[in-house]
């Protein structure tokens, strides 16, 4: 696909058609790199554990955070004060 480079304020940009964005799953931001003679846009990598806090709050709110096996002590725990 051939497109034009447009002036946008003090920069320049290329408009990416909505069907292409949808096909690639690109939304609010992209990772942009130069590889050889090509400008490459990719979905940003998710950070490790991104979204875990929200997911755990959602699980707790739904009551799904109970222990699967219940409470059980280790054999040598009797003498300890917690």
N, C-alpha and C. Protein backbone atom coordinates (compact mmCIF):
# COMPACT_ATOMS: atom_id res chain seq x y z
N UNK A 1 0.85 -1.17 0.00
CA UNK A 1 0.00 0.00 0.00
C UNK A 1 0.90 1.24 0.00
N UNK A 2 0.61 2.15 -0.83
CA UNK A 2 1.36 3.40 -0.89
C UNK A 2 0.52 4.49 -0.25
N UNK A 3 1.17 5.33 0.58
CA UNK A 3 0.47 6.43 1.23
C UNK A 3 1.40 7.64 1.27
N UNK A 4 0.90 8.77 1.71
CA UNK A 4 1.70 9.99 1.73
C UNK A 4 2.11 10.33 3.16
N UNK A 5 3.22 11.04 3.26
CA UNK A 5 3.67 11.56 4.54
C UNK A 5 3.09 12.96 4.67
N UNK A 6 2.41 13.23 5.77
CA UNK A 6 1.72 14.52 5.95
C UNK A 6 2.38 15.32 7.07
N UNK A 7 2.30 16.63 6.94
CA UNK A 7 2.80 17.51 8.00
C UNK A 7 1.76 17.54 9.11
N UNK A 8 2.22 17.32 10.36
CA UNK A 8 1.36 17.35 11.54
C UNK A 8 2.07 18.19 12.59
N UNK A 9 1.70 19.47 12.67
CA UNK A 9 2.38 20.36 13.59
C UNK A 9 3.83 20.53 13.18
N UNK A 10 4.76 20.33 14.11
CA UNK A 10 6.18 20.42 13.79
C UNK A 10 6.76 19.09 13.32
N UNK A 11 5.91 18.06 13.23
CA UNK A 11 6.36 16.73 12.83
C UNK A 11 5.68 16.33 11.53
N UNK A 12 5.91 15.10 11.15
CA UNK A 12 5.25 14.52 9.99
C UNK A 12 4.66 13.18 10.42
N UNK A 13 3.66 12.72 9.69
CA UNK A 13 3.03 11.47 10.06
C UNK A 13 2.41 10.78 8.87
N UNK A 14 2.05 9.54 9.11
CA UNK A 14 1.38 8.72 8.11
C UNK A 14 0.07 8.24 8.74
N UNK A 15 -1.04 8.39 8.03
CA UNK A 15 -2.31 7.90 8.52
C UNK A 15 -2.41 6.40 8.20
N UNK A 16 -2.76 5.63 9.22
CA UNK A 16 -2.89 4.19 9.05
C UNK A 16 -4.39 3.88 9.01
N UNK A 17 -4.86 3.26 7.95
CA UNK A 17 -6.29 2.96 7.83
C UNK A 17 -6.78 2.06 8.97
N UNK A 18 -8.01 2.30 9.40
CA UNK A 18 -8.61 1.58 10.52
C UNK A 18 -8.60 0.05 10.32
N UNK A 19 -8.89 -0.46 9.11
CA UNK A 19 -8.86 -1.93 8.94
C UNK A 19 -7.47 -2.53 9.20
N UNK A 20 -6.43 -1.80 8.86
CA UNK A 20 -5.08 -2.30 9.10
C UNK A 20 -4.79 -2.30 10.60
N UNK A 21 -5.18 -1.23 11.29
CA UNK A 21 -5.00 -1.19 12.75
C UNK A 21 -5.74 -2.35 13.41
N UNK A 22 -6.96 -2.60 12.97
CA UNK A 22 -7.76 -3.69 13.55
C UNK A 22 -7.12 -5.04 13.26
N UNK A 23 -6.65 -5.25 12.05
CA UNK A 23 -6.05 -6.52 11.66
C UNK A 23 -4.81 -6.81 12.50
N UNK A 24 -4.03 -5.78 12.80
CA UNK A 24 -2.80 -5.95 13.57
C UNK A 24 -3.02 -5.87 15.07
N UNK A 25 -4.20 -5.45 15.48
CA UNK A 25 -4.48 -5.32 16.91
C UNK A 25 -3.79 -4.12 17.54
N UNK A 26 -3.54 -3.08 16.76
CA UNK A 26 -2.91 -1.87 17.27
C UNK A 26 -3.99 -0.94 17.78
N UNK A 27 -3.77 -0.35 18.98
CA UNK A 27 -4.79 0.52 19.55
C UNK A 27 -4.22 1.90 19.86
N UNK A 28 -3.83 2.13 21.10
CA UNK A 28 -3.43 3.47 21.52
C UNK A 28 -1.98 3.81 21.28
N UNK A 29 -1.10 2.82 21.34
CA UNK A 29 0.33 3.11 21.16
C UNK A 29 1.00 1.95 20.44
N UNK A 30 2.16 2.25 19.87
CA UNK A 30 2.94 1.24 19.15
C UNK A 30 4.40 1.33 19.58
N UNK A 31 5.12 0.26 19.33
CA UNK A 31 6.56 0.24 19.50
C UNK A 31 7.12 0.49 18.10
N UNK A 32 7.92 1.55 17.93
CA UNK A 32 8.43 1.92 16.62
C UNK A 32 9.95 1.73 16.59
N UNK A 33 10.43 1.01 15.57
CA UNK A 33 11.86 0.75 15.42
C UNK A 33 12.26 0.86 13.96
N UNK A 34 13.53 1.09 13.75
CA UNK A 34 14.08 1.07 12.40
C UNK A 34 14.84 -0.23 12.26
N UNK A 35 14.49 -1.00 11.24
CA UNK A 35 15.18 -2.26 10.95
C UNK A 35 15.64 -2.20 9.50
N UNK A 36 16.96 -2.03 9.33
CA UNK A 36 17.49 -1.87 7.98
C UNK A 36 16.96 -0.59 7.38
N UNK A 37 16.29 -0.70 6.26
CA UNK A 37 15.68 0.45 5.58
C UNK A 37 14.20 0.57 5.87
N UNK A 38 13.71 -0.13 6.90
CA UNK A 38 12.27 -0.16 7.14
C UNK A 38 11.93 0.44 8.50
N UNK A 39 10.82 1.15 8.54
CA UNK A 39 10.23 1.63 9.78
C UNK A 39 9.21 0.57 10.20
N UNK A 40 9.40 -0.02 11.37
CA UNK A 40 8.56 -1.14 11.81
C UNK A 40 7.74 -0.71 13.02
N UNK A 41 6.44 -0.91 12.94
CA UNK A 41 5.52 -0.64 14.06
C UNK A 41 5.02 -1.97 14.60
N UNK A 42 5.09 -2.13 15.93
CA UNK A 42 4.62 -3.35 16.57
C UNK A 42 3.78 -3.00 17.78
N UNK A 43 2.93 -3.96 18.20
CA UNK A 43 2.23 -3.79 19.46
C UNK A 43 3.26 -3.73 20.57
N UNK A 44 3.09 -2.83 21.54
CA UNK A 44 4.04 -2.78 22.65
C UNK A 44 3.99 -4.08 23.45
N UNK A 45 5.15 -4.51 23.92
CA UNK A 45 5.22 -5.69 24.77
C UNK A 45 4.58 -5.36 26.10
N UNK A 46 3.81 -6.27 26.63
CA UNK A 46 3.24 -6.06 27.95
C UNK A 46 4.32 -6.26 28.99
N UNK A 47 4.28 -5.44 30.02
CA UNK A 47 5.21 -5.60 31.12
C UNK A 47 4.83 -6.84 31.92
N UNK A 48 5.82 -7.48 32.52
CA UNK A 48 5.56 -8.66 33.33
C UNK A 48 4.58 -8.29 34.44
N UNK A 49 3.63 -9.12 34.65
CA UNK A 49 2.61 -8.97 35.70
C UNK A 49 1.66 -7.79 35.46
N UNK A 50 1.66 -7.23 34.29
CA UNK A 50 0.75 -6.12 34.01
C UNK A 50 -0.69 -6.61 34.11
N UNK A 51 -1.50 -5.91 34.86
CA UNK A 51 -2.91 -6.26 35.02
C UNK A 51 -3.18 -7.25 36.14
N UNK A 52 -2.13 -7.78 36.79
CA UNK A 52 -2.34 -8.76 37.85
C UNK A 52 -3.08 -8.15 39.04
N UNK A 53 -2.75 -6.94 39.42
CA UNK A 53 -3.39 -6.31 40.58
C UNK A 53 -4.89 -6.16 40.35
N UNK A 54 -5.27 -5.68 39.18
CA UNK A 54 -6.69 -5.53 38.87
C UNK A 54 -7.39 -6.88 38.83
N UNK A 55 -6.72 -7.87 38.25
CA UNK A 55 -7.33 -9.20 38.17
C UNK A 55 -7.52 -9.80 39.55
N UNK A 56 -6.55 -9.62 40.44
CA UNK A 56 -6.69 -10.20 41.79
C UNK A 56 -7.79 -9.49 42.58
N UNK A 57 -7.92 -8.17 42.39
CA UNK A 57 -9.02 -7.45 43.05
C UNK A 57 -10.37 -7.96 42.54
N UNK A 58 -10.46 -8.22 41.26
CA UNK A 58 -11.70 -8.73 40.67
C UNK A 58 -12.03 -10.12 41.21
N UNK A 59 -11.02 -10.97 41.33
CA UNK A 59 -11.23 -12.32 41.87
C UNK A 59 -11.69 -12.25 43.32
N UNK A 60 -11.03 -11.38 44.11
CA UNK A 60 -11.39 -11.24 45.52
C UNK A 60 -12.82 -10.71 45.66
N UNK A 61 -13.19 -9.73 44.84
CA UNK A 61 -14.54 -9.16 44.89
C UNK A 61 -15.60 -10.21 44.56
N UNK A 62 -15.25 -11.16 43.71
CA UNK A 62 -16.19 -12.21 43.32
C UNK A 62 -16.18 -13.38 44.30
N UNK A 63 -15.31 -13.30 45.33
CA UNK A 63 -15.24 -14.38 46.33
C UNK A 63 -14.46 -15.59 45.86
N UNK A 64 -13.67 -15.43 44.81
CA UNK A 64 -12.93 -16.56 44.26
C UNK A 64 -11.51 -16.68 44.79
N UNK A 65 -11.22 -16.02 45.92
CA UNK A 65 -9.85 -16.06 46.43
C UNK A 65 -9.70 -16.98 47.65
N UNK A 66 -10.63 -17.90 47.84
CA UNK A 66 -10.52 -18.82 48.97
C UNK A 66 -9.42 -19.84 48.69
N UNK A 67 -8.88 -20.42 49.75
CA UNK A 67 -7.84 -21.42 49.60
C UNK A 67 -8.44 -22.71 49.05
N UNK A 68 -7.81 -23.29 48.08
CA UNK A 68 -8.33 -24.50 47.45
C UNK A 68 -8.23 -25.68 48.40
N UNK A 69 -7.10 -25.80 49.14
CA UNK A 69 -6.89 -26.95 50.02
C UNK A 69 -7.15 -26.61 51.49
N UNK A 70 -7.58 -25.41 51.79
CA UNK A 70 -7.79 -25.01 53.17
C UNK A 70 -6.48 -24.78 53.89
N UNK A 71 -6.56 -24.44 55.18
CA UNK A 71 -5.36 -24.21 55.99
C UNK A 71 -4.79 -25.55 56.44
N UNK A 72 -3.50 -25.72 56.34
CA UNK A 72 -2.87 -26.91 56.90
C UNK A 72 -1.45 -26.54 57.34
N UNK A 73 -1.05 -26.98 58.52
CA UNK A 73 0.27 -26.63 59.04
C UNK A 73 1.35 -27.57 58.51
N UNK A 74 2.58 -27.13 58.62
CA UNK A 74 3.72 -28.00 58.36
C UNK A 74 3.95 -28.85 59.61
N UNK A 75 4.56 -30.00 59.46
CA UNK A 75 4.76 -30.93 60.58
C UNK A 75 5.54 -30.29 61.72
N UNK A 76 6.49 -29.41 61.43
CA UNK A 76 7.35 -28.84 62.47
C UNK A 76 6.86 -27.48 62.98
N UNK A 77 5.65 -27.08 62.67
CA UNK A 77 5.16 -25.75 63.05
C UNK A 77 4.63 -25.66 64.49
N UNK A 78 4.42 -26.78 65.17
CA UNK A 78 3.76 -26.78 66.49
C UNK A 78 4.47 -25.92 67.50
N UNK A 79 5.80 -25.87 67.50
CA UNK A 79 6.54 -25.12 68.52
C UNK A 79 6.67 -23.65 68.24
N UNK A 80 6.23 -23.18 67.07
CA UNK A 80 6.40 -21.77 66.69
C UNK A 80 5.22 -20.92 67.16
N UNK A 81 5.52 -19.68 67.50
CA UNK A 81 4.49 -18.71 67.82
C UNK A 81 4.46 -17.71 66.67
N UNK A 82 3.32 -17.53 66.05
CA UNK A 82 3.22 -16.65 64.89
C UNK A 82 2.66 -15.32 65.28
